[in-house]
Amino acid sequence: MKVQELMERVGMLETGRAIAYVKDALIEMNLMAETNITTQRNDIKQNQRYYHFPYDMIKITDIRVKNHLNSKDEYRTIPRIMFEPKIEDADQELI
């Protein structure tokens, strides 16, 4: 849809204002939608607790594990902890 068609549908006469509204809407949609998402798969190794993440990573959106609370070879999301754990961590190693 062209800006002219949009202006005709909403009954707007000022082209500059219509373009500004369209740009604002595109920026707002970009903020609400996750863009540039990549997927990385890592295998869990026995007796390894800490794993390295890529340096260009900004945010983790989801972590899924196969056969978590099921036996159907399905991947399920691991619940996220919301508060500080009440049990102190015995392994205080920092990377």
C-alpha atoms as a PDB file:
ATOM      1  CA  MET A   1       0.000   0.000   0.000  1.00  0.00           C
ATOM      2  CA  LYS A   2       1.318   3.418  -0.916  1.00  0.00           C
ATOM      3  CA  VAL A   3       1.227   6.441   1.357  1.00  0.00           C
ATOM      4  CA  GLN A   4      -1.295   8.119  -0.948  1.00  0.00           C
ATOM      5  CA  GLU A   5      -3.703   5.169  -0.604  1.00  0.00           C
ATOM      6  CA  LEU A   6      -3.297   5.215   3.164  1.00  0.00           C
ATOM      7  CA  MET A   7      -3.989   8.949   3.255  1.00  0.00           C
ATOM      8  CA  GLU A   8      -7.151   8.476   1.196  1.00  0.00           C
ATOM      9  CA  ARG A   9      -8.423   5.714   3.497  1.00  0.00           C
ATOM     10  CA  VAL A  10      -7.964   7.718   6.695  1.00  0.00           C
ATOM     11  CA  GLY A  11      -8.976  11.067   5.179  1.00  0.00           C
ATOM     12  CA  MET A  12      -5.659  12.832   5.796  1.00  0.00           C
ATOM     13  CA  LEU A  13      -4.471  15.697   3.611  1.00  0.00           C
ATOM     14  CA  GLU A  14      -0.966  16.410   4.979  1.00  0.00           C
ATOM     15  CA  THR A  15       1.615  14.143   3.313  1.00  0.00           C
ATOM     16  CA  GLY A  16       4.410  14.995   5.755  1.00  0.00           C
ATOM     17  CA  ARG A  17       2.324  14.086   8.782  1.00  0.00           C
ATOM     18  CA  ALA A  18       1.201  10.809   7.159  1.00  0.00           C
ATOM     19  CA  ILE A  19       4.808   9.812   6.437  1.00  0.00           C
ATOM     20  CA  ALA A  20       5.793  10.677  10.010  1.00  0.00           C
ATOM     21  CA  TYR A  21       2.976   8.476  11.354  1.00  0.00           C
ATOM     22  CA  VAL A  22       4.028   5.594   9.095  1.00  0.00           C
ATOM     23  CA  LYS A  23       7.653   5.895  10.253  1.00  0.00           C
ATOM     24  CA  ASP A  24       6.572   5.988  13.907  1.00  0.00           C
ATOM     25  CA  ALA A  25       4.438   2.888  13.374  1.00  0.00           C
ATOM     26  CA  LEU A  26       7.329   1.004  11.757  1.00  0.00           C
ATOM     27  CA  ILE A  27       9.654   1.892  14.630  1.00  0.00           C
ATOM     28  CA  GLU A  28       7.067   0.795  17.191  1.00  0.00           C
ATOM     29  CA  MET A  29       6.463  -2.523  15.398  1.00  0.00           C
ATOM     30  CA  ASN A  30      10.218  -3.122  15.292  1.00  0.00           C
ATOM     31  CA  LEU A  31      10.464  -2.564  19.050  1.00  0.00           C
ATOM     32  CA  MET A  32       7.675  -5.049  19.768  1.00  0.00           C
ATOM     33  CA  ALA A  33       8.858  -7.808  17.411  1.00  0.00           C
ATOM     34  CA  GLU A  34      12.035  -9.813  17.949  1.00  0.00           C
ATOM     35  CA  THR A  35      14.283  -9.427  14.925  1.00  0.00           C
ATOM     36  CA  ASN A  36      17.638 -10.911  13.990  1.00  0.00           C
ATOM     37  CA  ILE A  37      17.162 -14.067  16.070  1.00  0.00           C
ATOM     38  CA  THR A  38      19.642 -16.875  15.605  1.00  0.00           C
ATOM     39  CA  THR A  39      19.528 -20.358  17.055  1.00  0.00           C
ATOM     40  CA  GLN A  40      22.468 -22.141  18.587  1.00  0.00           C
ATOM     41  CA  ARG A  41      22.413 -25.721  19.766  1.00  0.00           C
ATOM     42  CA  ASN A  42      24.771 -26.979  22.450  1.00  0.00           C
ATOM     43  CA  ASP A  43      25.058 -30.464  23.860  1.00  0.00           C
ATOM     44  CA  ILE A  44      25.064 -30.839  27.620  1.00  0.00           C
ATOM     45  CA  LYS A  45      28.186 -32.634  28.819  1.00  0.00           C
ATOM     46  CA  GLN A  46      28.391 -34.813  31.883  1.00  0.00           C
ATOM     47  CA  ASN A  47      29.950 -33.091  34.940  1.00  0.00           C
ATOM     48  CA  GLN A  48      30.109 -29.719  33.179  1.00  0.00           C
ATOM     49  CA  ARG A  49      28.124 -26.926  34.768  1.00  0.00           C
ATOM     50  CA  TYR A  50      29.219 -23.747  33.008  1.00  0.00           C
ATOM     51  CA  TYR A  51      29.080 -23.132  29.269  1.00  0.00           C
ATOM     52  CA  HIS A  52      30.419 -20.287  27.147  1.00  0.00           C
ATOM     53  CA  PHE A  53      28.044 -18.148  25.108  1.00  0.00           C
ATOM     54  CA  PRO A  54      28.880 -16.140  21.969  1.00  0.00           C
ATOM     55  CA  TYR A  55      30.319 -12.665  22.572  1.00  0.00           C
ATOM     56  CA  ASP A  56      27.821 -11.006  20.205  1.00  0.00           C
ATOM     57  CA  MET A  57      24.827 -12.417  22.093  1.00  0.00           C
ATOM     58  CA  ILE A  58      22.496  -9.787  23.545  1.00  0.00           C
ATOM     59  CA  LYS A  59      19.667 -11.768  25.091  1.00  0.00           C
ATOM     60  CA  ILE A  60      18.609 -15.377  25.643  1.00  0.00           C
ATOM     61  CA  THR A  61      14.985 -15.747  24.632  1.00  0.00           C
ATOM     62  CA  ASP A  62      14.443 -19.442  25.383  1.00  0.00           C
ATOM     63  CA  ILE A  63      16.272 -22.545  26.584  1.00  0.00           C
ATOM     64  CA  ARG A  64      14.750 -25.897  25.706  1.00  0.00           C
ATOM     65  CA  VAL A  65      15.777 -29.400  26.718  1.00  0.00           C
ATOM     66  CA  LYS A  66      14.875 -32.692  25.121  1.00  0.00           C
ATOM     67  CA  ASN A  67      12.911 -35.127  27.339  1.00  0.00           C
ATOM     68  CA  HIS A  68      12.405 -32.543  30.110  1.00  0.00           C
ATOM     69  CA  LEU A  69       9.348 -33.736  32.084  1.00  0.00           C
ATOM     70  CA  ASN A  70       8.356 -36.076  29.239  1.00  0.00           C
ATOM     71  CA  SER A  71       9.457 -39.279  27.559  1.00  0.00           C
ATOM     72  CA  LYS A  72       8.326 -38.492  24.014  1.00  0.00           C
ATOM     73  CA  ASP A  73      11.625 -37.009  22.716  1.00  0.00           C
ATOM     74  CA  GLU A  74      10.063 -33.534  22.797  1.00  0.00           C
ATOM     75  CA  TYR A  75      11.856 -30.300  23.499  1.00  0.00           C
ATOM     76  CA  ARG A  76      10.350 -28.275  26.352  1.00  0.00           C
ATOM     77  CA  THR A  77      11.219 -24.899  27.769  1.00  0.00           C
ATOM     78  CA  ILE A  78      13.058 -24.821  31.081  1.00  0.00           C
ATOM     79  CA  PRO A  79      11.180 -22.580  33.539  1.00  0.00           C
ATOM     80  CA  ARG A  80      12.972 -19.368  34.378  1.00  0.00           C
ATOM     81  CA  ILE A  81      13.766 -18.548  37.994  1.00  0.00           C
ATOM     82  CA  MET A  82      12.260 -15.226  39.041  1.00  0.00           C
ATOM     83  CA  PHE A  83      13.895 -14.653  42.435  1.00  0.00           C
ATOM     84  CA  GLU A  84      17.208 -15.347  44.132  1.00  0.00           C
ATOM     85  CA  PRO A  85      17.478 -19.037  45.045  1.00  0.00           C
ATOM     86  CA  LYS A  86      17.025 -19.831  48.732  1.00  0.00           C
ATOM     87  CA  ILE A  87      19.626 -22.609  48.633  1.00  0.00           C
ATOM     88  CA  GLU A  88      23.195 -21.319  48.486  1.00  0.00           C
ATOM     89  CA  ASP A  89      25.247 -22.458  45.523  1.00  0.00           C
ATOM     90  CA  ALA A  90      28.054 -24.796  46.637  1.00  0.00           C
ATOM     91  CA  ASP A  91      29.960 -24.247  43.401  1.00  0.00           C
ATOM     92  CA  GLN A  92      30.843 -20.524  43.432  1.00  0.00           C
ATOM     93  CA  GLU A  93      33.001 -20.672  40.299  1.00  0.00           C
ATOM     94  CA  LEU A  94      32.712 -17.600  38.079  1.00  0.00           C
ATOM     95  CA  ILE A  95      33.776 -17.432  34.472  1.00  0.00           C
END
